[in-house]
C-alpha atoms as a PDB file:
ATOM      1  CA  MET A   1     128.696 160.524  72.113  1.00  0.00           C
ATOM      2  CA  TRP A   2     129.584 160.233  75.820  1.00  0.00           C
ATOM      3  CA  LYS A   3     130.885 163.815  75.727  1.00  0.00           C
ATOM      4  CA  LEU A   4     127.402 165.064  74.835  1.00  0.00           C
ATOM      5  CA  GLY A   5     125.943 163.165  77.798  1.00  0.00           C
ATOM      6  CA  ARG A   6     128.559 164.669  80.097  1.00  0.00           C
ATOM      7  CA  LEU A   7     127.795 168.140  78.739  1.00  0.00           C
ATOM      8  CA  LEU A   8     124.073 167.654  79.401  1.00  0.00           C
ATOM      9  CA  SER A   9     124.821 166.459  82.929  1.00  0.00           C
ATOM     10  CA  VAL A  10     126.914 169.561  83.642  1.00  0.00           C
ATOM     11  CA  PHE A  11     124.202 171.747  82.099  1.00  0.00           C
ATOM     12  CA  ARG A  12     121.558 170.230  84.390  1.00  0.00           C
ATOM     13  CA  LYS A  13     123.744 170.825  87.458  1.00  0.00           C
ATOM     14  CA  GLU A  14     124.328 174.446  86.459  1.00  0.00           C
ATOM     15  CA  LEU A  15     120.573 174.966  86.038  1.00  0.00           C
ATOM     16  CA  ARG A  16     119.907 173.435  89.456  1.00  0.00           C
ATOM     17  CA  LEU A  17     122.608 175.646  90.937  1.00  0.00           C
ATOM     18  CA  ALA A  18     121.005 178.717  89.330  1.00  0.00           C
ATOM     19  CA  TRP A  19     117.649 177.712  90.810  1.00  0.00           C
ATOM     20  CA  ALA A  20     119.296 177.263  94.226  1.00  0.00           C
ATOM     21  CA  VAL A  21     120.775 180.768  93.950  1.00  0.00           C
ATOM     22  CA  LEU A  22     117.340 182.214  93.296  1.00  0.00           C
ATOM     23  CA  ARG A  23     115.790 180.394  96.238  1.00  0.00           C
ATOM     24  CA  ASP A  24     118.509 180.991  98.829  1.00  0.00           C
ATOM     25  CA  PRO A  25     117.892 184.097 100.965  1.00  0.00           C
ATOM     26  CA  ARG A  26     121.647 184.439 101.668  1.00  0.00           C
ATOM     27  CA  ALA A  27     122.438 185.001  97.967  1.00  0.00           C
ATOM     28  CA  PRO A  28     123.227 188.625  97.080  1.00  0.00           C
ATOM     29  CA  LYS A  29     120.751 190.512  94.930  1.00  0.00           C
ATOM     30  CA  ALA A  30     123.398 190.963  92.218  1.00  0.00           C
ATOM     31  CA  ALA A  31     123.710 187.176  91.862  1.00  0.00           C
ATOM     32  CA  LYS A  32     119.949 186.784  91.678  1.00  0.00           C
ATOM     33  CA  LEU A  33     119.698 189.596  89.114  1.00  0.00           C
ATOM     34  CA  ALA A  34     122.360 188.032  86.869  1.00  0.00           C
ATOM     35  CA  THR A  35     120.560 184.670  87.102  1.00  0.00           C
ATOM     36  CA  VAL A  36     117.226 186.220  86.147  1.00  0.00           C
ATOM     37  CA  LEU A  37     118.884 188.099  83.266  1.00  0.00           C
ATOM     38  CA  ALA A  38     120.316 184.813  81.969  1.00  0.00           C
ATOM     39  CA  ALA A  39     116.856 183.230  81.982  1.00  0.00           C
ATOM     40  CA  LEU A  40     115.279 186.278  80.360  1.00  0.00           C
ATOM     41  CA  TYR A  41     117.889 186.348  77.608  1.00  0.00           C
ATOM     42  CA  VAL A  42     117.152 182.733  76.697  1.00  0.00           C
ATOM     43  CA  VAL A  43     113.396 183.319  76.389  1.00  0.00           C
ATOM     44  CA  SER A  44     113.655 186.817  74.923  1.00  0.00           C
ATOM     45  CA  PRO A  45     112.974 187.255  71.202  1.00  0.00           C
ATOM     46  CA  VAL A  46     115.727 189.913  71.094  1.00  0.00           C
ATOM     47  CA  ASP A  47     119.107 188.254  70.441  1.00  0.00           C
ATOM     48  CA  PHE A  48     122.532 189.132  69.108  1.00  0.00           C
ATOM     49  CA  VAL A  49     122.111 186.336  66.555  1.00  0.00           C
ATOM     50  CA  SER A  50     118.584 185.456  65.437  1.00  0.00           C
ATOM     51  CA  ASP A  51     117.202 182.050  66.415  1.00  0.00           C
ATOM     52  CA  PHE A  52     116.140 181.568  62.795  1.00  0.00           C
ATOM     53  CA  ILE A  53     119.766 180.707  62.037  1.00  0.00           C
ATOM     54  CA  PRO A  54     119.577 177.108  63.265  1.00  0.00           C
ATOM     55  CA  VAL A  55     122.807 176.468  65.151  1.00  0.00           C
ATOM     56  CA  LEU A  56     124.300 179.927  65.658  1.00  0.00           C
ATOM     57  CA  GLY A  57     121.126 181.379  67.154  1.00  0.00           C
ATOM     58  CA  TRP A  58     120.874 178.658  69.784  1.00  0.00           C
ATOM     59  CA  LEU A  59     124.597 178.725  70.450  1.00  0.00           C
ATOM     60  CA  ASP A  60     124.375 182.468  71.022  1.00  0.00           C
ATOM     61  CA  ASP A  61     121.635 181.975  73.642  1.00  0.00           C
ATOM     62  CA  GLY A  62     123.618 179.269  75.401  1.00  0.00           C
ATOM     63  CA  VAL A  63     126.893 181.177  75.515  1.00  0.00           C
ATOM     64  CA  ILE A  64     125.350 184.423  76.780  1.00  0.00           C
ATOM     65  CA  ALA A  65     123.289 182.576  79.411  1.00  0.00           C
ATOM     66  CA  TYR A  66     126.350 180.591  80.507  1.00  0.00           C
ATOM     67  CA  LEU A  67     128.415 183.765  80.875  1.00  0.00           C
ATOM     68  CA  LEU A  68     125.672 185.478  82.876  1.00  0.00           C
ATOM     69  CA  LEU A  69     125.381 182.444  85.170  1.00  0.00           C
ATOM     70  CA  GLN A  70     129.139 182.421  85.718  1.00  0.00           C
ATOM     71  CA  LEU A  71     128.919 186.117  86.604  1.00  0.00           C
ATOM     72  CA  ALA A  72     126.123 185.336  89.068  1.00  0.00           C
ATOM     73  CA  PHE A  73     128.262 182.642  90.689  1.00  0.00           C
ATOM     74  CA  LYS A  74     131.157 185.140  91.011  1.00  0.00           C
ATOM     75  CA  PHE A  75     128.882 187.413  93.069  1.00  0.00           C
ATOM     76  CA  LEU A  76     128.290 184.644  95.611  1.00  0.00           C
ATOM     77  CA  PRO A  77     130.487 184.362  98.698  1.00  0.00           C
ATOM     78  CA  PRO A  78     132.797 181.331  98.269  1.00  0.00           C
ATOM     79  CA  GLU A  79     131.347 179.433 101.236  1.00  0.00           C
ATOM     80  CA  LEU A  80     127.779 179.905  99.988  1.00  0.00           C
ATOM     81  CA  LEU A  81     128.760 178.757  96.492  1.00  0.00           C
ATOM     82  CA  ALA A  82     130.435 175.662  97.963  1.00  0.00           C
ATOM     83  CA  THR A  83     127.354 174.912 100.067  1.00  0.00           C
ATOM     84  CA  LEU A  84     124.997 175.272  97.115  1.00  0.00           C
ATOM     85  CA  ARG A  85     127.246 173.171  94.844  1.00  0.00           C
ATOM     86  CA  ALA A  86     127.357 170.434  97.492  1.00  0.00           C
ATOM     87  CA  ARG A  87     123.578 170.524  97.873  1.00  0.00           C
ATOM     88  CA  VAL A  88     123.035 170.346  94.104  1.00  0.00           C
ATOM     89  CA  GLY A  89     125.719 167.657  93.678  1.00  0.00           C
ATOM     90  CA  GLN A  90     124.265 165.264  96.234  1.00  0.00           C
ATOM     91  CA  ARG A  91     120.685 165.604  95.009  1.00  0.00           C
ATOM     92  CA  SER A  92     119.677 163.021  92.449  1.00  0.00           C
ATOM     93  CA  PRO A  93     117.632 164.229  89.449  1.00  0.00           C
ATOM     94  CA  GLY A  94     114.442 162.403  90.361  1.00  0.00           C
ATOM     95  CA  LYS A  95     114.199 163.444  94.018  1.00  0.00           C
ATOM     96  CA  ALA A  96     112.786 166.615  95.518  1.00  0.00           C
ATOM     97  CA  ALA A  97     114.950 168.981  97.504  1.00  0.00           C
ATOM     98  CA  PRO A  98     115.030 168.518 101.300  1.00  0.00           C
END
């Protein structure tokens, strides 16, 4: 059960990192585009596997979104990615960003 909690914690950090990419003016447009595409794929009714199939449909959304986010992070310069990861890592879930 602790593995599920760890997975959710990592998922939250990745979502906060994606949000930081969208808000940072230094992030390349390609990274922002890949992040927006990941979000659009999750909310889009068009999927590779229909969401009516209980587990596979949701798994499909998660995997595609994860891959698009990883692509977005590859577009970032390494020092910017490190800065954003540090900012997201030090922020606690209940507090607002500085």
